[in-house]
Amino acid sequence: MPYFVIIAAVVRSDAGIASTVALLAVYQVIYLAPVLVIAALSQRASGSHEAWRGESIRAFLARHQNRLLATILFLAALVLLAVGTYGIVTT
């Protein structure tokens, strides 16, 4: 349900067409990011010949958890920075 609420709010806003499309594109990427990460990790694990693929994913996450967390937080900070900059410039 929140998916449609956000889309309706962005479409009803007074933003221009380019801003609306950009906001919807960013929202789509954020909304689908967990699904894409799971799909990528699943694809990576399926390439291995291990009996239990979950162990491969767990081991990957254990090895790279700090880098993954830092990357996710960095991307979130970039989005917030872009939104803040846009707000300052348009005010």
N, C-alpha and C. Protein backbone atom coordinates (compact mmCIF):
# COMPACT_ATOMS: atom_id res chain seq x y z
N MET A 1 0.81 -1.20 0.00
CA MET A 1 0.00 0.00 0.00
C MET A 1 0.85 1.27 0.00
N PRO A 2 1.94 1.35 0.79
CA PRO A 2 2.74 2.57 0.76
C PRO A 2 3.32 2.85 -0.63
N TYR A 3 3.51 1.81 -1.40
CA TYR A 3 4.04 1.96 -2.74
C TYR A 3 3.16 2.90 -3.57
N PHE A 4 1.87 2.66 -3.56
CA PHE A 4 0.94 3.47 -4.34
C PHE A 4 0.74 4.85 -3.73
N VAL A 5 0.82 4.94 -2.41
CA VAL A 5 0.68 6.23 -1.74
C VAL A 5 1.81 7.17 -2.15
N ILE A 6 3.02 6.65 -2.17
CA ILE A 6 4.17 7.48 -2.55
C ILE A 6 4.04 7.91 -4.01
N ILE A 7 3.67 6.99 -4.87
CA ILE A 7 3.52 7.33 -6.29
C ILE A 7 2.43 8.39 -6.46
N ALA A 8 1.31 8.24 -5.77
CA ALA A 8 0.23 9.23 -5.87
C ALA A 8 0.68 10.59 -5.36
N ALA A 9 1.44 10.60 -4.26
CA ALA A 9 1.91 11.87 -3.70
C ALA A 9 2.87 12.57 -4.65
N VAL A 10 3.74 11.82 -5.29
CA VAL A 10 4.69 12.42 -6.22
C VAL A 10 3.97 12.93 -7.46
N VAL A 11 3.03 12.17 -7.96
CA VAL A 11 2.30 12.58 -9.16
C VAL A 11 1.44 13.81 -8.89
N ARG A 12 0.85 13.89 -7.71
CA ARG A 12 0.00 15.04 -7.37
C ARG A 12 0.78 16.27 -6.93
N SER A 13 2.07 16.15 -6.72
CA SER A 13 2.86 17.30 -6.29
C SER A 13 2.95 18.32 -7.43
N ASP A 14 3.37 19.51 -7.08
CA ASP A 14 3.47 20.58 -8.07
C ASP A 14 4.80 20.56 -8.81
N ALA A 15 5.52 19.47 -8.71
CA ALA A 15 6.81 19.36 -9.40
C ALA A 15 6.57 19.24 -10.90
N GLY A 16 7.56 19.65 -11.66
CA GLY A 16 7.48 19.54 -13.12
C GLY A 16 7.55 18.09 -13.56
N ILE A 17 7.41 17.90 -14.84
CA ILE A 17 7.42 16.55 -15.39
C ILE A 17 8.78 15.88 -15.16
N ALA A 18 9.85 16.63 -15.41
CA ALA A 18 11.19 16.06 -15.24
C ALA A 18 11.44 15.68 -13.78
N SER A 19 11.04 16.54 -12.86
CA SER A 19 11.21 16.25 -11.43
C SER A 19 10.37 15.06 -11.01
N THR A 20 9.16 14.97 -11.51
CA THR A 20 8.28 13.85 -11.17
C THR A 20 8.87 12.54 -11.67
N VAL A 21 9.34 12.54 -12.89
CA VAL A 21 9.95 11.32 -13.45
C VAL A 21 11.20 10.95 -12.66
N ALA A 22 12.03 11.94 -12.31
CA ALA A 22 13.25 11.67 -11.54
C ALA A 22 12.91 11.12 -10.16
N LEU A 23 11.94 11.72 -9.49
CA LEU A 23 11.54 11.23 -8.16
C LEU A 23 10.99 9.81 -8.22
N LEU A 24 10.18 9.55 -9.22
CA LEU A 24 9.64 8.20 -9.36
C LEU A 24 10.73 7.18 -9.69
N ALA A 25 11.69 7.58 -10.50
CA ALA A 25 12.80 6.67 -10.83
C ALA A 25 13.64 6.37 -9.60
N VAL A 26 13.94 7.39 -8.81
CA VAL A 26 14.72 7.18 -7.58
C VAL A 26 13.94 6.28 -6.62
N TYR A 27 12.64 6.54 -6.49
CA TYR A 27 11.82 5.71 -5.61
C TYR A 27 11.80 4.25 -6.08
N GLN A 28 11.70 4.04 -7.37
CA GLN A 28 11.69 2.68 -7.90
C GLN A 28 13.00 1.95 -7.57
N VAL A 29 14.10 2.66 -7.72
CA VAL A 29 15.41 2.04 -7.43
C VAL A 29 15.50 1.69 -5.95
N ILE A 30 15.07 2.62 -5.09
CA ILE A 30 15.13 2.35 -3.65
C ILE A 30 14.17 1.21 -3.29
N TYR A 31 13.01 1.20 -3.87
CA TYR A 31 12.00 0.18 -3.57
C TYR A 31 12.46 -1.21 -4.04
N LEU A 32 13.12 -1.26 -5.18
CA LEU A 32 13.53 -2.55 -5.74
C LEU A 32 14.93 -2.99 -5.33
N ALA A 33 15.69 -2.13 -4.66
CA ALA A 33 17.07 -2.46 -4.30
C ALA A 33 17.19 -3.77 -3.52
N PRO A 34 16.39 -3.99 -2.48
CA PRO A 34 16.53 -5.27 -1.76
C PRO A 34 16.26 -6.49 -2.64
N VAL A 35 15.29 -6.39 -3.52
CA VAL A 35 14.98 -7.51 -4.42
C VAL A 35 16.15 -7.77 -5.37
N LEU A 36 16.73 -6.70 -5.90
CA LEU A 36 17.86 -6.84 -6.81
C LEU A 36 19.09 -7.41 -6.10
N VAL A 37 19.31 -7.01 -4.86
CA VAL A 37 20.44 -7.55 -4.10
C VAL A 37 20.25 -9.04 -3.85
N ILE A 38 19.04 -9.41 -3.45
CA ILE A 38 18.77 -10.83 -3.22
C ILE A 38 18.93 -11.63 -4.51
N ALA A 39 18.45 -11.10 -5.61
CA ALA A 39 18.60 -11.79 -6.89
C ALA A 39 20.07 -11.93 -7.28
N ALA A 40 20.85 -10.88 -7.07
CA ALA A 40 22.27 -10.93 -7.42
C ALA A 40 23.01 -11.93 -6.54
N LEU A 41 22.71 -11.92 -5.24
CA LEU A 41 23.36 -12.88 -4.34
C LEU A 41 22.94 -14.31 -4.66
N SER A 42 21.69 -14.49 -5.02
CA SER A 42 21.20 -15.82 -5.38
C SER A 42 21.89 -16.31 -6.66
N GLN A 43 22.02 -15.41 -7.62
CA GLN A 43 22.70 -15.77 -8.87
C GLN A 43 24.15 -16.13 -8.61
N ARG A 44 24.79 -15.36 -7.75
CA ARG A 44 26.20 -15.63 -7.42
C ARG A 44 26.33 -16.98 -6.73
N ALA A 45 25.40 -17.26 -5.82
CA ALA A 45 25.46 -18.53 -5.08
C ALA A 45 25.14 -19.71 -5.98
N SER A 46 24.28 -19.53 -6.97
CA SER A 46 23.90 -20.65 -7.83
C SER A 46 25.05 -21.06 -8.75
N GLY A 47 26.01 -20.18 -8.94
CA GLY A 47 27.16 -20.51 -9.78
C GLY A 47 28.14 -21.45 -9.08
N SER A 48 28.06 -21.50 -7.77
CA SER A 48 28.98 -22.37 -7.03
C SER A 48 28.42 -23.79 -6.98
N HIS A 49 29.28 -24.73 -6.61
CA HIS A 49 28.89 -26.13 -6.56
C HIS A 49 28.67 -26.61 -5.14
N GLU A 50 28.34 -25.67 -4.26
CA GLU A 50 28.11 -26.06 -2.87
C GLU A 50 26.74 -26.72 -2.74
N ALA A 51 26.64 -27.62 -1.79
CA ALA A 51 25.38 -28.33 -1.60
C ALA A 51 24.30 -27.40 -1.06
N TRP A 52 24.71 -26.48 -0.21
CA TRP A 52 23.72 -25.58 0.38
C TRP A 52 24.05 -24.16 0.01
N ARG A 53 23.24 -23.56 -0.84
CA ARG A 53 23.52 -22.22 -1.35
C ARG A 53 23.41 -21.15 -0.29
N GLY A 54 22.58 -21.37 0.69
CA GLY A 54 22.43 -20.39 1.77
C GLY A 54 23.73 -20.15 2.51
N GLU A 55 24.53 -21.17 2.64
CA GLU A 55 25.83 -21.03 3.31
C GLU A 55 26.75 -20.12 2.51
N SER A 56 26.69 -20.21 1.20
CA SER A 56 27.50 -19.36 0.36
C SER A 56 27.09 -17.89 0.51
N ILE A 57 25.80 -17.64 0.54
CA ILE A 57 25.32 -16.27 0.71
C ILE A 57 25.70 -15.75 2.09
N ARG A 58 25.52 -16.60 3.12
CA ARG A 58 25.87 -16.19 4.48
C ARG A 58 27.36 -15.88 4.58
N ALA A 59 28.17 -16.69 3.98
CA ALA A 59 29.61 -16.46 4.02
C ALA A 59 29.98 -15.18 3.28
N PHE A 60 29.34 -14.94 2.15
CA PHE A 60 29.59 -13.70 1.40
C PHE A 60 29.22 -12.49 2.24
N LEU A 61 28.03 -12.53 2.85
CA LEU A 61 27.60 -11.40 3.68
C LEU A 61 28.50 -11.22 4.90
N ALA A 62 28.96 -12.31 5.48
CA ALA A 62 29.85 -12.22 6.63
C ALA A 62 31.18 -11.58 6.24
N ARG A 63 31.67 -11.91 5.05
CA ARG A 63 32.95 -11.34 4.61
C ARG A 63 32.83 -9.88 4.23
N HIS A 64 31.69 -9.50 3.65
CA HIS A 64 31.56 -8.16 3.08
C HIS A 64 30.52 -7.29 3.78
N GLN A 65 30.11 -7.64 4.99
CA GLN A 65 29.03 -6.90 5.64
C GLN A 65 29.40 -5.44 5.89
N ASN A 66 30.62 -5.18 6.28
CA ASN A 66 31.02 -3.79 6.54
C ASN A 66 30.99 -2.96 5.26
N ARG A 67 31.50 -3.52 4.18
CA ARG A 67 31.51 -2.80 2.91
C ARG A 67 30.08 -2.60 2.38
N LEU A 68 29.23 -3.61 2.51
CA LEU A 68 27.84 -3.48 2.07
C LEU A 68 27.10 -2.42 2.87
N LEU A 69 27.27 -2.43 4.18
CA LEU A 69 26.61 -1.43 5.01
C LEU A 69 27.10 -0.03 4.68
N ALA A 70 28.41 0.12 4.52
CA ALA A 70 28.96 1.43 4.17
C ALA A 70 28.44 1.91 2.82
N THR A 71 28.33 1.01 1.86
CA THR A 71 27.83 1.38 0.54
C THR A 71 26.37 1.80 0.60
N ILE A 72 25.56 1.05 1.33
CA ILE A 72 24.15 1.40 1.45
C ILE A 72 23.98 2.75 2.14
N LEU A 73 24.71 2.97 3.21
CA LEU A 73 24.63 4.26 3.91
C LEU A 73 25.14 5.40 3.05
N PHE A 74 26.18 5.16 2.27
CA PHE A 74 26.70 6.18 1.38
C PHE A 74 25.67 6.56 0.32
N LEU A 75 25.02 5.56 -0.27
CA LEU A 75 23.99 5.84 -1.27
C LEU A 75 22.81 6.58 -0.67
N ALA A 76 22.42 6.20 0.55
CA ALA A 76 21.34 6.93 1.22
C ALA A 76 21.75 8.37 1.48
N ALA A 77 22.99 8.59 1.87
CA ALA A 77 23.47 9.95 2.11
C ALA A 77 23.49 10.76 0.82
N LEU A 78 23.86 10.13 -0.28
CA LEU A 78 23.84 10.84 -1.57
C LEU A 78 22.42 11.25 -1.96
N VAL A 79 21.47 10.37 -1.73
CA VAL A 79 20.08 10.69 -2.04
C VAL A 79 19.61 11.86 -1.17
N LEU A 80 19.90 11.79 0.13
CA LEU A 80 19.51 12.89 1.02
C LEU A 80 20.20 14.19 0.65
N LEU A 81 21.46 14.11 0.26
CA LEU A 81 22.19 15.30 -0.17
C LEU A 81 21.57 15.89 -1.43
N ALA A 82 21.21 15.05 -2.37
CA ALA A 82 20.59 15.53 -3.61
C ALA A 82 19.23 16.17 -3.32
N VAL A 83 18.44 15.55 -2.47
CA VAL A 83 17.12 16.11 -2.12
C VAL A 83 17.29 17.44 -1.39
N GLY A 84 18.23 17.52 -0.47
CA GLY A 84 18.48 18.76 0.25
C GLY A 84 18.99 19.86 -0.65
N THR A 85 19.90 19.52 -1.54
CA THR A 85 20.43 20.51 -2.49
C THR A 85 19.33 21.00 -3.40
N TYR A 86 18.49 20.12 -3.86
CA TYR A 86 17.37 20.51 -4.71
C TYR A 86 16.44 21.45 -3.96
N GLY A 87 16.18 21.15 -2.70
CA GLY A 87 15.32 22.00 -1.88
C GLY A 87 15.90 23.37 -1.67
N ILE A 88 17.21 23.45 -1.45
CA ILE A 88 17.86 24.75 -1.25
C ILE A 88 17.87 25.56 -2.54
N VAL A 89 18.15 24.91 -3.65
CA VAL A 89 18.25 25.60 -4.92
C VAL A 89 16.88 26.13 -5.36
N THR A 90 15.84 25.37 -5.14
CA THR A 90 14.52 25.78 -5.60
C THR A 90 13.81 26.75 -4.65
N THR A 91 14.36 26.97 -3.48
CA THR A 91 13.71 27.87 -2.52
C THR A 91 14.14 29.30 -2.73
